[in-house]
Amino acid sequence: MKSLLTAAIAAGGSTIHSYRKEDGTPGGYQKHHAVYGREGRPCLRCGLPVQRVEANDRSLYFCTFCQPFRTP
């Protein structure tokens, strides 16, 4: 987790909708997102379609093979 957060910070965070760094430029870490916003497109690891579900008015993206979604 530490290395992931360090990489995300070094890339300036993720600009998905309107986030900008202090200098007004977008972050660059969204280029590393493997499933976010990729509903229906192939998983980058196994090729199965990325799925999306809603939970508490939030979208959750996942691969059913690589990241099985489990409800509590």
PDB file of N, CA and C in Angstrom:
ATOM      1  N   MET A   1       0.825  -1.181   0.000  1.00  0.00           N
ATOM      2  CA  MET A   1       0.000   0.000   0.000  1.00  0.00           C
ATOM      3  C   MET A   1       0.878   1.256   0.000  1.00  0.00           C
ATOM      4  N   LYS A   2       1.950   1.200   0.779  1.00  0.00           N
ATOM      5  CA  LYS A   2       2.828   2.368   0.854  1.00  0.00           C
ATOM      6  C   LYS A   2       3.425   2.720  -0.511  1.00  0.00           C
ATOM      7  N   SER A   3       3.869   1.699  -1.258  1.00  0.00           N
ATOM      8  CA  SER A   3       4.466   1.966  -2.572  1.00  0.00           C
ATOM      9  C   SER A   3       3.413   2.490  -3.550  1.00  0.00           C
ATOM     10  N   LEU A   4       2.182   1.976  -3.445  1.00  0.00           N
ATOM     11  CA  LEU A   4       1.096   2.455  -4.306  1.00  0.00           C
ATOM     12  C   LEU A   4       0.789   3.927  -4.037  1.00  0.00           C
ATOM     13  N   LEU A   5       0.665   4.296  -2.760  1.00  0.00           N
ATOM     14  CA  LEU A   5       0.397   5.688  -2.416  1.00  0.00           C
ATOM     15  C   LEU A   5       1.557   6.603  -2.804  1.00  0.00           C
ATOM     16  N   THR A   6       2.773   6.114  -2.616  1.00  0.00           N
ATOM     17  CA  THR A   6       3.946   6.905  -3.003  1.00  0.00           C
ATOM     18  C   THR A   6       3.939   7.178  -4.508  1.00  0.00           C
ATOM     19  N   ALA A   7       3.615   6.156  -5.308  1.00  0.00           N
ATOM     20  CA  ALA A   7       3.560   6.325  -6.769  1.00  0.00           C
ATOM     21  C   ALA A   7       2.442   7.287  -7.170  1.00  0.00           C
ATOM     22  N   ALA A   8       1.283   7.169  -6.518  1.00  0.00           N
ATOM     23  CA  ALA A   8       0.159   8.049  -6.840  1.00  0.00           C
ATOM     24  C   ALA A   8       0.484   9.500  -6.507  1.00  0.00           C
ATOM     25  N   ILE A   9       1.113   9.726  -5.382  1.00  0.00           N
ATOM     26  CA  ILE A   9       1.499  11.087  -4.994  1.00  0.00           C
ATOM     27  C   ILE A   9       2.541  11.642  -5.958  1.00  0.00           C
ATOM     28  N   ALA A  10       3.522  10.819  -6.322  1.00  0.00           N
ATOM     29  CA  ALA A  10       4.568  11.262  -7.255  1.00  0.00           C
ATOM     30  C   ALA A  10       3.980  11.642  -8.609  1.00  0.00           C
ATOM     31  N   ALA A  11       2.889  10.961  -9.006  1.00  0.00           N
ATOM     32  CA  ALA A  11       2.252  11.254 -10.297  1.00  0.00           C
ATOM     33  C   ALA A  11       1.273  12.425 -10.200  1.00  0.00           C
ATOM     34  N   GLY A  12       1.107  12.977  -9.010  1.00  0.00           N
ATOM     35  CA  GLY A  12       0.231  14.136  -8.868  1.00  0.00           C
ATOM     36  C   GLY A  12      -1.215  13.788  -8.593  1.00  0.00           C
ATOM     37  N   GLY A  13      -1.485  12.554  -8.164  1.00  0.00           N
ATOM     38  CA  GLY A  13      -2.859  12.154  -7.873  1.00  0.00           C
ATOM     39  C   GLY A  13      -3.607  11.775  -9.137  1.00  0.00           C
ATOM     40  N   SER A  14      -4.893  11.492  -8.964  1.00  0.00           N
ATOM     41  CA  SER A  14      -5.731  11.076 -10.088  1.00  0.00           C
ATOM     42  C   SER A  14      -6.715  12.172 -10.462  1.00  0.00           C
ATOM     43  N   THR A  15      -6.664  12.614 -11.696  1.00  0.00           N
ATOM     44  CA  THR A  15      -7.634  13.573 -12.193  1.00  0.00           C
ATOM     45  C   THR A  15      -8.710  12.799 -12.928  1.00  0.00           C
ATOM     46  N   ILE A  16      -9.882  12.701 -12.306  1.00  0.00           N
ATOM     47  CA  ILE A  16     -10.962  11.943 -12.912  1.00  0.00           C
ATOM     48  C   ILE A  16     -12.028  12.887 -13.450  1.00  0.00           C
ATOM     49  N   HIS A  17     -12.462  13.820 -12.655  1.00  0.00           N
ATOM     50  CA  HIS A  17     -13.489  14.754 -13.106  1.00  0.00           C
ATOM     51  C   HIS A  17     -12.948  16.189 -13.089  1.00  0.00           C
ATOM     52  N   SER A  18     -12.762  16.740 -11.898  1.00  0.00           N
ATOM     53  CA  SER A  18     -12.371  18.144 -11.835  1.00  0.00           C
ATOM     54  C   SER A  18     -11.155  18.398 -10.948  1.00  0.00           C
ATOM     55  N   TYR A  19     -10.548  17.374 -10.389  1.00  0.00           N
ATOM     56  CA  TYR A  19      -9.395  17.564  -9.510  1.00  0.00           C
ATOM     57  C   TYR A  19      -8.229  18.183 -10.270  1.00  0.00           C
ATOM     58  N   ARG A  20      -7.569  19.120  -9.647  1.00  0.00           N
ATOM     59  CA  ARG A  20      -6.364  19.723 -10.196  1.00  0.00           C
ATOM     60  C   ARG A  20      -5.358  19.912  -9.069  1.00  0.00           C
ATOM     61  N   LYS A  21      -4.076  19.881  -9.417  1.00  0.00           N
ATOM     62  CA  LYS A  21      -3.025  20.153  -8.446  1.00  0.00           C
ATOM     63  C   LYS A  21      -3.035  21.643  -8.132  1.00  0.00           C
ATOM     64  N   GLU A  22      -2.224  22.047  -7.157  1.00  0.00           N
ATOM     65  CA  GLU A  22      -2.177  23.453  -6.744  1.00  0.00           C
ATOM     66  C   GLU A  22      -1.869  24.398  -7.894  1.00  0.00           C
ATOM     67  N   ASP A  23      -1.054  23.949  -8.840  1.00  0.00           N
ATOM     68  CA  ASP A  23      -0.685  24.815  -9.968  1.00  0.00           C
ATOM     69  C   ASP A  23      -1.702  24.764 -11.110  1.00  0.00           C
ATOM     70  N   GLY A  24      -2.811  24.035 -10.908  1.00  0.00           N
ATOM     71  CA  GLY A  24      -3.873  23.978 -11.908  1.00  0.00           C
ATOM     72  C   GLY A  24      -3.741  22.859 -12.926  1.00  0.00           C
ATOM     73  N   THR A  25      -2.635  22.135 -12.892  1.00  0.00           N
ATOM     74  CA  THR A  25      -2.451  21.037 -13.839  1.00  0.00           C
ATOM     75  C   THR A  25      -3.106  19.756 -13.315  1.00  0.00           C
ATOM     76  N   PRO A  26      -3.527  18.872 -14.218  1.00  0.00           N
ATOM     77  CA  PRO A  26      -4.138  17.614 -13.765  1.00  0.00           C
ATOM     78  C   PRO A  26      -3.081  16.651 -13.242  1.00  0.00           C
ATOM     79  N   GLY A  27      -3.515  15.753 -12.370  1.00  0.00           N
ATOM     80  CA  GLY A  27      -2.633  14.678 -11.916  1.00  0.00           C
ATOM     81  C   GLY A  27      -2.446  13.686 -13.050  1.00  0.00           C
ATOM     82  N   GLY A  28      -1.573  12.708 -12.849  1.00  0.00           N
ATOM     83  CA  GLY A  28      -1.314  11.750 -13.910  1.00  0.00           C
ATOM     84  C   GLY A  28      -1.527  10.300 -13.524  1.00  0.00           C
ATOM     85  N   TYR A  29      -1.936  10.035 -12.285  1.00  0.00           N
ATOM     86  CA  TYR A  29      -2.017   8.641 -11.857  1.00  0.00           C
ATOM     87  C   TYR A  29      -3.202   7.888 -12.456  1.00  0.00           C
ATOM     88  N   GLN A  30      -4.203   8.596 -12.962  1.00  0.00           N
ATOM     89  CA  GLN A  30      -5.354   7.909 -13.562  1.00  0.00           C
ATOM     90  C   GLN A  30      -4.942   7.057 -14.756  1.00  0.00           C
ATOM     91  N   LYS A  31      -3.786   7.321 -15.326  1.00  0.00           N
ATOM     92  CA  LYS A  31      -3.287   6.502 -16.442  1.00  0.00           C
ATOM     93  C   LYS A  31      -2.946   5.083 -15.984  1.00  0.00           C
ATOM     94  N   HIS A  32      -2.836   4.894 -14.667  1.00  0.00           N
ATOM     95  CA  HIS A  32      -2.494   3.594 -14.101  1.00  0.00           C
ATOM     96  C   HIS A  32      -3.716   2.828 -13.602  1.00  0.00           C
ATOM     97  N   HIS A  33      -4.906   3.414 -13.690  1.00  0.00           N
ATOM     98  CA  HIS A  33      -6.111   2.725 -13.222  1.00  0.00           C
ATOM     99  C   HIS A  33      -6.379   1.520 -14.126  1.00  0.00           C
ATOM    100  N   ALA A  34      -6.537   0.359 -13.520  1.00  0.00           N
ATOM    101  CA  ALA A  34      -6.726  -0.861 -14.295  1.00  0.00           C
ATOM    102  C   ALA A  34      -8.190  -1.149 -14.601  1.00  0.00           C
ATOM    103  N   VAL A  35      -9.119  -0.692 -13.746  1.00  0.00           N
ATOM    104  CA  VAL A  35     -10.532  -0.992 -13.972  1.00  0.00           C
ATOM    105  C   VAL A  35     -11.443   0.227 -13.911  1.00  0.00           C
ATOM    106  N   TYR A  36     -11.056   1.276 -13.204  1.00  0.00           N
ATOM    107  CA  TYR A  36     -11.943   2.431 -13.033  1.00  0.00           C
ATOM    108  C   TYR A  36     -12.363   3.000 -14.394  1.00  0.00           C
ATOM    109  N   GLY A  37     -13.673   3.139 -14.566  1.00  0.00           N
ATOM    110  CA  GLY A  37     -14.197   3.725 -15.798  1.00  0.00           C
ATOM    111  C   GLY A  37     -14.116   2.814 -17.015  1.00  0.00           C
ATOM    112  N   ARG A  38     -13.782   1.531 -16.824  1.00  0.00           N
ATOM    113  CA  ARG A  38     -13.598   0.620 -17.949  1.00  0.00           C
ATOM    114  C   ARG A  38     -14.726  -0.400 -18.067  1.00  0.00           C
ATOM    115  N   GLU A  39     -15.924  -0.072 -17.590  1.00  0.00           N
ATOM    116  CA  GLU A  39     -17.049  -1.008 -17.641  1.00  0.00           C
ATOM    117  C   GLU A  39     -17.235  -1.559 -19.052  1.00  0.00           C
ATOM    118  N   GLY A  40     -17.310  -2.902 -19.151  1.00  0.00           N
ATOM    119  CA  GLY A  40     -17.523  -3.554 -20.438  1.00  0.00           C
ATOM    120  C   GLY A  40     -16.268  -3.754 -21.265  1.00  0.00           C
ATOM    121  N   ARG A  41     -15.201  -3.043 -20.919  1.00  0.00           N
ATOM    122  CA  ARG A  41     -13.943  -3.203 -21.651  1.00  0.00           C
ATOM    123  C   ARG A  41     -13.143  -4.339 -21.028  1.00  0.00           C
ATOM    124  N   PRO A  42     -12.201  -4.921 -21.745  1.00  0.00           N
ATOM    125  CA  PRO A  42     -11.449  -6.063 -21.215  1.00  0.00           C
ATOM    126  C   PRO A  42     -10.574  -5.690 -20.018  1.00  0.00           C
ATOM    127  N   CYS A  43     -10.547  -6.598 -19.042  1.00  0.00           N
ATOM    128  CA  CYS A  43      -9.615  -6.475 -17.924  1.00  0.00           C
ATOM    129  C   CYS A  43      -8.201  -6.509 -18.517  1.00  0.00           C
ATOM    130  N   LEU A  44      -7.332  -5.666 -18.022  1.00  0.00           N
ATOM    131  CA  LEU A  44      -5.971  -5.606 -18.555  1.00  0.00           C
ATOM    132  C   LEU A  44      -5.153  -6.838 -18.196  1.00  0.00           C
ATOM    133  N   ARG A  45      -5.577  -7.597 -17.182  1.00  0.00           N
ATOM    134  CA  ARG A  45      -4.847  -8.781 -16.774  1.00  0.00           C
ATOM    135  C   ARG A  45      -5.354 -10.045 -17.464  1.00  0.00           C
ATOM    136  N   CYS A  46      -6.701 -10.266 -17.440  1.00  0.00           N
ATOM    137  CA  CYS A  46      -7.218 -11.553 -17.934  1.00  0.00           C
ATOM    138  C   CYS A  46      -8.097 -11.439 -19.183  1.00  0.00           C
ATOM    139  N   GLY A  47      -8.552 -10.239 -19.516  1.00  0.00           N
ATOM    140  CA  GLY A  47      -9.336 -10.051 -20.731  1.00  0.00           C
ATOM    141  C   GLY A  47     -10.843 -10.147 -20.578  1.00  0.00           C
ATOM    142  N   LEU A  48     -11.337 -10.578 -19.400  1.00  0.00           N
ATOM    143  CA  LEU A  48     -12.783 -10.610 -19.181  1.00  0.00           C
ATOM    144  C   LEU A  48     -13.324  -9.189 -19.060  1.00  0.00           C
ATOM    145  N   PRO A  49     -14.596  -8.968 -19.382  1.00  0.00           N
ATOM    146  CA  PRO A  49     -15.146  -7.618 -19.287  1.00  0.00           C
ATOM    147  C   PRO A  49     -15.162  -7.093 -17.847  1.00  0.00           C
ATOM    148  N   VAL A  50     -14.787  -5.850 -17.678  1.00  0.00           N
ATOM    149  CA  VAL A  50     -14.848  -5.181 -16.381  1.00  0.00           C
ATOM    150  C   VAL A  50     -16.313  -4.923 -16.048  1.00  0.00           C
ATOM    151  N   GLN A  51     -16.685  -5.183 -14.808  1.00  0.00           N
ATOM    152  CA  GLN A  51     -18.053  -5.005 -14.342  1.00  0.00           C
ATOM    153  C   GLN A  51     -18.161  -3.742 -13.496  1.00  0.00           C
ATOM    154  N   ARG A  52     -19.391  -3.220 -13.381  1.00  0.00           N
ATOM    155  CA  ARG A  52     -19.644  -2.070 -12.503  1.00  0.00           C
ATOM    156  C   ARG A  52     -20.908  -2.358 -11.714  1.00  0.00           C
ATOM    157  N   VAL A  53     -20.850  -2.079 -10.414  1.00  0.00           N
ATOM    158  CA  VAL A  53     -22.032  -2.149  -9.566  1.00  0.00           C
ATOM    159  C   VAL A  53     -22.108  -0.846  -8.785  1.00  0.00           C
ATOM    160  N   GLU A  54     -23.297  -0.519  -8.306  1.00  0.00           N
ATOM    161  CA  GLU A  54     -23.468   0.662  -7.467  1.00  0.00           C
ATOM    162  C   GLU A  54     -23.685   0.229  -6.036  1.00  0.00           C
ATOM    163  N   ALA A  55     -23.052   0.928  -5.119  1.00  0.00           N
ATOM    164  CA  ALA A  55     -23.208   0.692  -3.685  1.00  0.00           C
ATOM    165  C   ALA A  55     -23.161   2.040  -2.985  1.00  0.00           C
ATOM    166  N   ASN A  56     -24.230   2.359  -2.293  1.00  0.00           N
ATOM    167  CA  ASN A  56     -24.293   3.642  -1.578  1.00  0.00           C
ATOM    168  C   ASN A  56     -24.028   4.824  -2.506  1.00  0.00           C
ATOM    169  N   ASP A  57     -24.654   4.793  -3.675  1.00  0.00           N
ATOM    170  CA  ASP A  57     -24.522   5.867  -4.675  1.00  0.00           C
ATOM    171  C   ASP A  57     -23.100   6.046  -5.194  1.00  0.00           C
ATOM    172  N   ARG A  58     -22.288   4.993  -5.122  1.00  0.00           N
ATOM    173  CA  ARG A  58     -20.929   5.023  -5.663  1.00  0.00           C
ATOM    174  C   ARG A  58     -20.800   3.889  -6.669  1.00  0.00           C
ATOM    175  N   SER A  59     -19.997   4.096  -7.681  1.00  0.00           N
ATOM    176  CA  SER A  59     -19.725   3.041  -8.659  1.00  0.00           C
ATOM    177  C   SER A  59     -18.491   2.272  -8.244  1.00  0.00           C
ATOM    178  N   LEU A  60     -18.594   0.948  -8.314  1.00  0.00           N
ATOM    179  CA  LEU A  60     -17.467   0.071  -8.026  1.00  0.00           C
ATOM    180  C   LEU A  60     -17.154  -0.715  -9.289  1.00  0.00           C
ATOM    181  N   TYR A  61     -15.930  -0.638  -9.754  1.00  0.00           N
ATOM    182  CA  TYR A  61     -15.507  -1.337 -10.960  1.00  0.00           C
ATOM    183  C   TYR A  61     -14.605  -2.485 -10.549  1.00  0.00           C
ATOM    184  N   PHE A  62     -14.771  -3.650 -11.180  1.00  0.00           N
ATOM    185  CA  PHE A  62     -13.955  -4.801 -10.814  1.00  0.00           C
ATOM    186  C   PHE A  62     -13.996  -5.845 -11.919  1.00  0.00           C
ATOM    187  N   CYS A  63     -13.021  -6.737 -11.880  1.00  0.00           N
ATOM    188  CA  CYS A  63     -12.982  -7.892 -12.766  1.00  0.00           C
ATOM    189  C   CYS A  63     -13.498  -9.080 -11.964  1.00  0.00           C
ATOM    190  N   THR A  64     -14.476  -9.792 -12.503  1.00  0.00           N
ATOM    191  CA  THR A  64     -15.066 -10.911 -11.770  1.00  0.00           C
ATOM    192  C   THR A  64     -14.084 -12.052 -11.529  1.00  0.00           C
ATOM    193  N   PHE A  65     -13.040 -12.125 -12.321  1.00  0.00           N
ATOM    194  CA  PHE A  65     -12.034 -13.175 -12.138  1.00  0.00           C
ATOM    195  C   PHE A  65     -10.893 -12.708 -11.240  1.00  0.00           C
ATOM    196  N   CYS A  66     -10.319 -11.551 -11.546  1.00  0.00           N
ATOM    197  CA  CYS A  66      -9.162 -11.052 -10.817  1.00  0.00           C
ATOM    198  C   CYS A  66      -9.519 -10.410  -9.481  1.00  0.00           C
ATOM    199  N   GLN A  67     -10.693  -9.801  -9.394  1.00  0.00           N
ATOM    200  CA  GLN A  67     -11.130  -9.097  -8.192  1.00  0.00           C
ATOM    201  C   GLN A  67     -12.580  -9.453  -7.894  1.00  0.00           C
ATOM    202  N   PRO A  68     -12.864 -10.673  -7.507  1.00  0.00           N
ATOM    203  CA  PRO A  68     -14.261 -11.038  -7.271  1.00  0.00           C
ATOM    204  C   PRO A  68     -14.922 -10.131  -6.236  1.00  0.00           C
ATOM    205  N   PHE A  69     -16.110  -9.667  -6.559  1.00  0.00           N
ATOM    206  CA  PHE A  69     -16.870  -8.776  -5.680  1.00  0.00           C
ATOM    207  C   PHE A  69     -17.694  -9.628  -4.743  1.00  0.00           C
ATOM    208  N   ARG A  70     -17.544  -9.399  -3.462  1.00  0.00           N
ATOM    209  CA  ARG A  70     -18.286 -10.163  -2.462  1.00  0.00           C
ATOM    210  C   ARG A  70     -19.094  -9.210  -1.596  1.00  0.00           C
ATOM    211  N   THR A  71     -20.343  -9.531  -1.414  1.00  0.00           N
ATOM    212  CA  THR A  71     -21.153  -8.719  -0.513  1.00  0.00           C
ATOM    213  C   THR A  71     -21.031  -9.304   0.886  1.00  0.00           C
ATOM    214  N   PRO A  72     -21.022  -8.450   1.884  1.00  0.00           N
ATOM    215  CA  PRO A  72     -20.878  -8.945   3.274  1.00  0.00           C
ATOM    216  C   PRO A  72     -22.082  -9.753   3.709  1.00  0.00           C
TER     217      PRO A  72
END
